[in-house]
Amino acid sequence: MTSLPIVRRELLVTARRASTYWTRFIAAASMIVIALILVAANRWSSPAELGHHIFVALGVLALGFSMLAGVFLTSDCLK
């Protein structure tokens, strides 16, 4: 017997939580705000430099969200 139906159900339950929707919204909104700030601040730089700055900023933000997700999922597991 495989555990894939159980894994599928757990993923669906997790995806339907309200906190999942808000986390996705906050992540997308913060990435858009950071990209707009970088575009406005670096108006006179070359497109390659601007792309590099946006890539680094979004990478750092993704790393931060990943680290927070690890903390929250581990604390949920230890309850």
PDB file of N, CA and C in Angstrom:
ATOM      1  N   MET A   1       0.847  -1.184   0.000  1.00  0.00           N
ATOM      2  CA  MET A   1       0.000   0.000   0.000  1.00  0.00           C
ATOM      3  C   MET A   1       0.888   1.242   0.000  1.00  0.00           C
ATOM      4  N   THR A   2       0.605   2.161  -0.876  1.00  0.00           N
ATOM      5  CA  THR A   2       1.410   3.375  -0.941  1.00  0.00           C
ATOM      6  C   THR A   2       0.792   4.467  -0.087  1.00  0.00           C
ATOM      7  N   SER A   3       1.622   5.412   0.288  1.00  0.00           N
ATOM      8  CA  SER A   3       1.138   6.507   1.131  1.00  0.00           C
ATOM      9  C   SER A   3       0.817   7.754   0.313  1.00  0.00           C
ATOM     10  N   LEU A   4       0.818   7.644  -1.008  1.00  0.00           N
ATOM     11  CA  LEU A   4       0.568   8.825  -1.835  1.00  0.00           C
ATOM     12  C   LEU A   4      -0.814   9.437  -1.639  1.00  0.00           C
ATOM     13  N   PRO A   5      -1.892   8.671  -1.449  1.00  0.00           N
ATOM     14  CA  PRO A   5      -3.178   9.326  -1.164  1.00  0.00           C
ATOM     15  C   PRO A   5      -3.155  10.136   0.141  1.00  0.00           C
ATOM     16  N   ILE A   6      -2.420   9.660   1.112  1.00  0.00           N
ATOM     17  CA  ILE A   6      -2.307  10.386   2.380  1.00  0.00           C
ATOM     18  C   ILE A   6      -1.517  11.674   2.183  1.00  0.00           C
ATOM     19  N   VAL A   7      -0.445  11.589   1.439  1.00  0.00           N
ATOM     20  CA  VAL A   7       0.363  12.778   1.158  1.00  0.00           C
ATOM     21  C   VAL A   7      -0.465  13.784   0.376  1.00  0.00           C
ATOM     22  N   ARG A   8      -1.212  13.325  -0.608  1.00  0.00           N
ATOM     23  CA  ARG A   8      -2.060  14.212  -1.412  1.00  0.00           C
ATOM     24  C   ARG A   8      -3.081  14.922  -0.529  1.00  0.00           C
ATOM     25  N   ARG A   9      -3.724  14.183   0.357  1.00  0.00           N
ATOM     26  CA  ARG A   9      -4.722  14.777   1.247  1.00  0.00           C
ATOM     27  C   ARG A   9      -4.097  15.816   2.163  1.00  0.00           C
ATOM     28  N   GLU A  10      -2.937  15.517   2.737  1.00  0.00           N
ATOM     29  CA  GLU A  10      -2.272  16.466   3.619  1.00  0.00           C
ATOM     30  C   GLU A  10      -1.868  17.736   2.878  1.00  0.00           C
ATOM     31  N   LEU A  11      -1.401  17.597   1.640  1.00  0.00           N
ATOM     32  CA  LEU A  11      -1.048  18.774   0.847  1.00  0.00           C
ATOM     33  C   LEU A  11      -2.275  19.617   0.528  1.00  0.00           C
ATOM     34  N   LEU A  12      -3.387  18.973   0.223  1.00  0.00           N
ATOM     35  CA  LEU A  12      -4.618  19.712  -0.052  1.00  0.00           C
ATOM     36  C   LEU A  12      -5.128  20.437   1.187  1.00  0.00           C
ATOM     37  N   VAL A  13      -5.056  19.786   2.335  1.00  0.00           N
ATOM     38  CA  VAL A  13      -5.493  20.424   3.580  1.00  0.00           C
ATOM     39  C   VAL A  13      -4.623  21.632   3.888  1.00  0.00           C
ATOM     40  N   THR A  14      -3.323  21.492   3.706  1.00  0.00           N
ATOM     41  CA  THR A  14      -2.405  22.599   3.968  1.00  0.00           C
ATOM     42  C   THR A  14      -2.628  23.742   2.989  1.00  0.00           C
ATOM     43  N   ALA A  15      -2.884  23.425   1.737  1.00  0.00           N
ATOM     44  CA  ALA A  15      -3.075  24.465   0.724  1.00  0.00           C
ATOM     45  C   ALA A  15      -4.348  25.257   0.955  1.00  0.00           C
ATOM     46  N   ARG A  16      -5.317  24.692   1.648  1.00  0.00           N
ATOM     47  CA  ARG A  16      -6.597  25.381   1.854  1.00  0.00           C
ATOM     48  C   ARG A  16      -6.636  26.222   3.124  1.00  0.00           C
ATOM     49  N   ARG A  17      -5.580  26.206   3.907  1.00  0.00           N
ATOM     50  CA  ARG A  17      -5.568  27.025   5.122  1.00  0.00           C
ATOM     51  C   ARG A  17      -5.516  28.505   4.770  1.00  0.00           C
ATOM     52  N   ALA A  18      -6.140  29.328   5.567  1.00  0.00           N
ATOM     53  CA  ALA A  18      -6.145  30.775   5.326  1.00  0.00           C
ATOM     54  C   ALA A  18      -4.743  31.354   5.433  1.00  0.00           C
ATOM     55  N   SER A  19      -3.934  30.806   6.311  1.00  0.00           N
ATOM     56  CA  SER A  19      -2.572  31.329   6.463  1.00  0.00           C
ATOM     57  C   SER A  19      -1.745  31.115   5.197  1.00  0.00           C
ATOM     58  N   THR A  20      -2.041  30.062   4.452  1.00  0.00           N
ATOM     59  CA  THR A  20      -1.324  29.817   3.206  1.00  0.00           C
ATOM     60  C   THR A  20      -1.630  30.897   2.184  1.00  0.00           C
ATOM     61  N   TYR A  21      -2.905  31.285   2.095  1.00  0.00           N
ATOM     62  CA  TYR A  21      -3.273  32.349   1.168  1.00  0.00           C
ATOM     63  C   TYR A  21      -2.599  33.662   1.547  1.00  0.00           C
ATOM     64  N   TRP A  22      -2.608  34.006   2.836  1.00  0.00           N
ATOM     65  CA  TRP A  22      -2.010  35.269   3.276  1.00  0.00           C
ATOM     66  C   TRP A  22      -0.503  35.261   3.091  1.00  0.00           C
ATOM     67  N   THR A  23       0.142  34.127   3.311  1.00  0.00           N
ATOM     68  CA  THR A  23       1.586  34.041   3.105  1.00  0.00           C
ATOM     69  C   THR A  23       1.933  34.256   1.642  1.00  0.00           C
ATOM     70  N   ARG A  24       1.170  33.653   0.754  1.00  0.00           N
ATOM     71  CA  ARG A  24       1.400  33.851  -0.678  1.00  0.00           C
ATOM     72  C   ARG A  24       1.185  35.301  -1.072  1.00  0.00           C
ATOM     73  N   PHE A  25       0.125  35.913  -0.537  1.00  0.00           N
ATOM     74  CA  PHE A  25      -0.161  37.308  -0.862  1.00  0.00           C
ATOM     75  C   PHE A  25       0.945  38.232  -0.366  1.00  0.00           C
ATOM     76  N   ILE A  26       1.399  38.027   0.860  1.00  0.00           N
ATOM     77  CA  ILE A  26       2.454  38.876   1.423  1.00  0.00           C
ATOM     78  C   ILE A  26       3.754  38.685   0.650  1.00  0.00           C
ATOM     79  N   ALA A  27       4.071  37.465   0.285  1.00  0.00           N
ATOM     80  CA  ALA A  27       5.296  37.213  -0.480  1.00  0.00           C
ATOM     81  C   ALA A  27       5.245  37.898  -1.838  1.00  0.00           C
ATOM     82  N   ALA A  28       4.128  37.776  -2.532  1.00  0.00           N
ATOM     83  CA  ALA A  28       4.005  38.410  -3.851  1.00  0.00           C
ATOM     84  C   ALA A  28       4.008  39.928  -3.741  1.00  0.00           C
ATOM     85  N   ALA A  29       3.293  40.466  -2.766  1.00  0.00           N
ATOM     86  CA  ALA A  29       3.240  41.918  -2.607  1.00  0.00           C
ATOM     87  C   ALA A  29       4.604  42.494  -2.242  1.00  0.00           C
ATOM     88  N   SER A  30       5.322  41.823  -1.361  1.00  0.00           N
ATOM     89  CA  SER A  30       6.639  42.337  -0.973  1.00  0.00           C
ATOM     90  C   SER A  30       7.629  42.250  -2.139  1.00  0.00           C
ATOM     91  N   MET A  31       7.542  41.214  -2.951  1.00  0.00           N
ATOM     92  CA  MET A  31       8.428  41.129  -4.111  1.00  0.00           C
ATOM     93  C   MET A  31       8.112  42.215  -5.136  1.00  0.00           C
ATOM     94  N   ILE A  32       6.841  42.510  -5.319  1.00  0.00           N
ATOM     95  CA  ILE A  32       6.470  43.576  -6.244  1.00  0.00           C
ATOM     96  C   ILE A  32       6.948  44.929  -5.723  1.00  0.00           C
ATOM     97  N   VAL A  33       6.782  45.173  -4.438  1.00  0.00           N
ATOM     98  CA  VAL A  33       7.224  46.449  -3.852  1.00  0.00           C
ATOM     99  C   VAL A  33       8.736  46.596  -3.972  1.00  0.00           C
ATOM    100  N   ILE A  34       9.474  45.547  -3.685  1.00  0.00           N
ATOM    101  CA  ILE A  34      10.938  45.615  -3.789  1.00  0.00           C
ATOM    102  C   ILE A  34      11.355  45.860  -5.232  1.00  0.00           C
ATOM    103  N   ALA A  35      10.715  45.196  -6.172  1.00  0.00           N
ATOM    104  CA  ALA A  35      11.059  45.405  -7.578  1.00  0.00           C
ATOM    105  C   ALA A  35      10.761  46.839  -8.001  1.00  0.00           C
ATOM    106  N   LEU A  36       9.645  47.391  -7.565  1.00  0.00           N
ATOM    107  CA  LEU A  36       9.311  48.778  -7.916  1.00  0.00           C
ATOM    108  C   LEU A  36      10.282  49.768  -7.291  1.00  0.00           C
ATOM    109  N   ILE A  37      10.677  49.518  -6.053  1.00  0.00           N
ATOM    110  CA  ILE A  37      11.645  50.401  -5.402  1.00  0.00           C
ATOM    111  C   ILE A  37      12.983  50.355  -6.131  1.00  0.00           C
ATOM    112  N   LEU A  38      13.412  49.173  -6.494  1.00  0.00           N
ATOM    113  CA  LEU A  38      14.690  49.052  -7.203  1.00  0.00           C
ATOM    114  C   LEU A  38      14.633  49.692  -8.589  1.00  0.00           C
ATOM    115  N   VAL A  39      13.517  49.562  -9.265  1.00  0.00           N
ATOM    116  CA  VAL A  39      13.381  50.183 -10.582  1.00  0.00           C
ATOM    117  C   VAL A  39      13.396  51.702 -10.451  1.00  0.00           C
ATOM    118  N   ALA A  40      12.696  52.228  -9.449  1.00  0.00           N
ATOM    119  CA  ALA A  40      12.640  53.678  -9.258  1.00  0.00           C
ATOM    120  C   ALA A  40      13.992  54.231  -8.812  1.00  0.00           C
ATOM    121  N   ALA A  41      14.706  53.492  -7.978  1.00  0.00           N
ATOM    122  CA  ALA A  41      15.981  53.989  -7.457  1.00  0.00           C
ATOM    123  C   ALA A  41      17.096  53.906  -8.498  1.00  0.00           C
ATOM    124  N   ASN A  42      17.040  52.952  -9.375  1.00  0.00           N
ATOM    125  CA  ASN A  42      18.106  52.735 -10.356  1.00  0.00           C
ATOM    126  C   ASN A  42      17.645  53.088 -11.768  1.00  0.00           C
ATOM    127  N   ARG A  43      17.005  54.215 -11.904  1.00  0.00           N
ATOM    128  CA  ARG A  43      16.469  54.607 -13.204  1.00  0.00           C
ATOM    129  C   ARG A  43      17.560  54.823 -14.246  1.00  0.00           C
ATOM    130  N   TRP A  44      18.729  55.269 -13.813  1.00  0.00           N
ATOM    131  CA  TRP A  44      19.774  55.605 -14.775  1.00  0.00           C
ATOM    132  C   TRP A  44      20.830  54.513 -14.925  1.00  0.00           C
ATOM    133  N   SER A  45      20.654  53.389 -14.266  1.00  0.00           N
ATOM    134  CA  SER A  45      21.626  52.313 -14.429  1.00  0.00           C
ATOM    135  C   SER A  45      21.257  51.469 -15.650  1.00  0.00           C
ATOM    136  N   SER A  46      22.192  50.637 -16.058  1.00  0.00           N
ATOM    137  CA  SER A  46      21.950  49.804 -17.239  1.00  0.00           C
ATOM    138  C   SER A  46      20.950  48.691 -16.902  1.00  0.00           C
ATOM    139  N   PRO A  47      20.275  48.151 -17.890  1.00  0.00           N
ATOM    140  CA  PRO A  47      19.322  47.068 -17.635  1.00  0.00           C
ATOM    141  C   PRO A  47      19.977  45.831 -17.001  1.00  0.00           C
ATOM    142  N   ALA A  48      21.235  45.572 -17.350  1.00  0.00           N
ATOM    143  CA  ALA A  48      21.914  44.420 -16.754  1.00  0.00           C
ATOM    144  C   ALA A  48      22.125  44.626 -15.259  1.00  0.00           C
ATOM    145  N   GLU A  49      22.529  45.818 -14.854  1.00  0.00           N
ATOM    146  CA  GLU A  49      22.718  46.101 -13.424  1.00  0.00           C
ATOM    147  C   GLU A  49      21.385  46.051 -12.685  1.00  0.00           C
ATOM    148  N   LEU A  50      20.354  46.620 -13.292  1.00  0.00           N
ATOM    149  CA  LEU A  50      19.032  46.605 -12.674  1.00  0.00           C
ATOM    150  C   LEU A  50      18.528  45.174 -12.503  1.00  0.00           C
ATOM    151  N   GLY A  51      18.693  44.358 -13.530  1.00  0.00           N
ATOM    152  CA  GLY A  51      18.280  42.961 -13.438  1.00  0.00           C
ATOM    153  C   GLY A  51      19.037  42.211 -12.357  1.00  0.00           C
ATOM    154  N   HIS A  52      20.316  42.501 -12.225  1.00  0.00           N
ATOM    155  CA  HIS A  52      21.127  41.853 -11.185  1.00  0.00           C
ATOM    156  C   HIS A  52      20.641  42.264  -9.796  1.00  0.00           C
ATOM    157  N   HIS A  53      20.371  43.548  -9.599  1.00  0.00           N
ATOM    158  CA  HIS A  53      19.904  44.023  -8.290  1.00  0.00           C
ATOM    159  C   HIS A  53      18.551  43.412  -7.937  1.00  0.00           C
ATOM    160  N   ILE A  54      17.648  43.346  -8.907  1.00  0.00           N
ATOM    161  CA  ILE A  54      16.333  42.757  -8.643  1.00  0.00           C
ATOM    162  C   ILE A  54      16.470  41.271  -8.343  1.00  0.00           C
ATOM    163  N   PHE A  55      17.320  40.571  -9.088  1.00  0.00           N
ATOM    164  CA  PHE A  55      17.521  39.141  -8.861  1.00  0.00           C
ATOM    165  C   PHE A  55      18.075  38.873  -7.462  1.00  0.00           C
ATOM    166  N   VAL A  56      19.053  39.662  -7.037  1.00  0.00           N
ATOM    167  CA  VAL A  56      19.640  39.478  -5.702  1.00  0.00           C
ATOM    168  C   VAL A  56      18.612  39.791  -4.623  1.00  0.00           C
ATOM    169  N   ALA A  57      17.860  40.882  -4.782  1.00  0.00           N
ATOM    170  CA  ALA A  57      16.867  41.247  -3.770  1.00  0.00           C
ATOM    171  C   ALA A  57      15.784  40.184  -3.649  1.00  0.00           C
ATOM    172  N   LEU A  58      15.281  39.690  -4.750  1.00  0.00           N
ATOM    173  CA  LEU A  58      14.245  38.663  -4.706  1.00  0.00           C
ATOM    174  C   LEU A  58      14.796  37.338  -4.185  1.00  0.00           C
ATOM    175  N   GLY A  59      16.042  37.047  -4.482  1.00  0.00           N
ATOM    176  CA  GLY A  59      16.666  35.840  -3.936  1.00  0.00           C
ATOM    177  C   GLY A  59      16.799  35.896  -2.424  1.00  0.00           C
ATOM    178  N   VAL A  60      17.197  37.058  -1.910  1.00  0.00           N
ATOM    179  CA  VAL A  60      17.309  37.226  -0.452  1.00  0.00           C
ATOM    180  C   VAL A  60      15.932  37.122   0.197  1.00  0.00           C
ATOM    181  N   LEU A  61      14.927  37.725  -0.428  1.00  0.00           N
ATOM    182  CA  LEU A  61      13.568  37.646   0.107  1.00  0.00           C
ATOM    183  C   LEU A  61      13.059  36.203   0.091  1.00  0.00           C
ATOM    184  N   ALA A  62      13.318  35.482  -0.973  1.00  0.00           N
ATOM    185  CA  ALA A  62      12.901  34.074  -1.042  1.00  0.00           C
ATOM    186  C   ALA A  62      13.619  33.242   0.021  1.00  0.00           C
ATOM    187  N   LEU A  63      14.895  33.525   0.235  1.00  0.00           N
ATOM    188  CA  LEU A  63      15.636  32.820   1.282  1.00  0.00           C
ATOM    189  C   LEU A  63      15.032  33.101   2.656  1.00  0.00           C
ATOM    190  N   GLY A  64      14.684  34.356   2.898  1.00  0.00           N
ATOM    191  CA  GLY A  64      14.067  34.705   4.183  1.00  0.00           C
ATOM    192  C   GLY A  64      12.751  33.994   4.396  1.00  0.00           C
ATOM    193  N   PHE A  65      11.896  33.971   3.363  1.00  0.00           N
ATOM    194  CA  PHE A  65      10.623  33.261   3.494  1.00  0.00           C
ATOM    195  C   PHE A  65      10.838  31.770   3.673  1.00  0.00           C
ATOM    196  N   SER A  66      11.830  31.209   3.020  1.00  0.00           N
ATOM    197  CA  SER A  66      12.113  29.780   3.181  1.00  0.00           C
ATOM    198  C   SER A  66      12.570  29.470   4.598  1.00  0.00           C
ATOM    199  N   MET A  67      13.386  30.345   5.146  1.00  0.00           N
ATOM    200  CA  MET A  67      13.854  30.131   6.516  1.00  0.00           C
ATOM    201  C   MET A  67      12.703  30.255   7.513  1.00  0.00           C
ATOM    202  N   LEU A  68      11.811  31.212   7.287  1.00  0.00           N
ATOM    203  CA  LEU A  68      10.656  31.350   8.170  1.00  0.00           C
ATOM    204  C   LEU A  68       9.715  30.161   8.031  1.00  0.00           C
ATOM    205  N   ALA A  69       9.545  29.671   6.820  1.00  0.00           N
ATOM    206  CA  ALA A  69       8.682  28.503   6.616  1.00  0.00           C
ATOM    207  C   ALA A  69       9.242  27.300   7.363  1.00  0.00           C
ATOM    208  N   GLY A  70      10.554  27.144   7.335  1.00  0.00           N
ATOM    209  CA  GLY A  70      11.167  26.040   8.073  1.00  0.00           C
ATOM    210  C   GLY A  70      10.921  26.143   9.565  1.00  0.00           C
ATOM    211  N   VAL A  71      11.010  27.340  10.093  1.00  0.00           N
ATOM    212  CA  VAL A  71      10.769  27.538  11.531  1.00  0.00           C
ATOM    213  C   VAL A  71       9.318  27.228  11.872  1.00  0.00           C
ATOM    214  N   PHE A  72       8.381  27.746  11.082  1.00  0.00           N
ATOM    215  CA  PHE A  72       6.970  27.528  11.387  1.00  0.00           C
ATOM    216  C   PHE A  72       6.564  26.077  11.205  1.00  0.00           C
ATOM    217  N   LEU A  73       7.079  25.403  10.186  1.00  0.00           N
ATOM    218  CA  LEU A  73       6.704  24.007   9.983  1.00  0.00           C
ATOM    219  C   LEU A  73       7.319  23.108  11.053  1.00  0.00           C
ATOM    220  N   THR A  74       8.529  23.441  11.488  1.00  0.00           N
ATOM    221  CA  THR A  74       9.146  22.639  12.548  1.00  0.00           C
ATOM    222  C   THR A  74       8.417  22.837  13.865  1.00  0.00           C
ATOM    223  N   SER A  75       8.038  24.072  14.182  1.00  0.00           N
ATOM    224  CA  SER A  75       7.328  24.307  15.433  1.00  0.00           C
ATOM    225  C   SER A  75       5.967  23.638  15.409  1.00  0.00           C
ATOM    226  N   ASP A  76       5.336  23.568  14.254  1.00  0.00           N
ATOM    227  CA  ASP A  76       4.046  22.891  14.141  1.00  0.00           C
ATOM    228  C   ASP A  76       4.221  21.392  14.341  1.00  0.00           C
ATOM    229  N   CYS A  77       5.332  20.856  13.903  1.00  0.00           N
ATOM    230  CA  CYS A  77       5.589  19.427  14.016  1.00  0.00           C
ATOM    231  C   CYS A  77       5.878  19.029  15.464  1.00  0.00           C
ATOM    232  N   LEU A  78       6.450  19.931  16.243  1.00  0.00           N
ATOM    233  CA  LEU A  78       6.863  19.606  17.603  1.00  0.00           C
ATOM    234  C   LEU A  78       5.743  19.748  18.629  1.00  0.00           C
ATOM    235  N   LYS A  79       4.590  20.257  18.242  1.00  0.00           N
ATOM    236  CA  LYS A  79       3.481  20.438  19.193  1.00  0.00           C
ATOM    237  C   LYS A  79       3.003  19.130  19.740  1.00  0.00           C
TER     238      LYS A  79
END
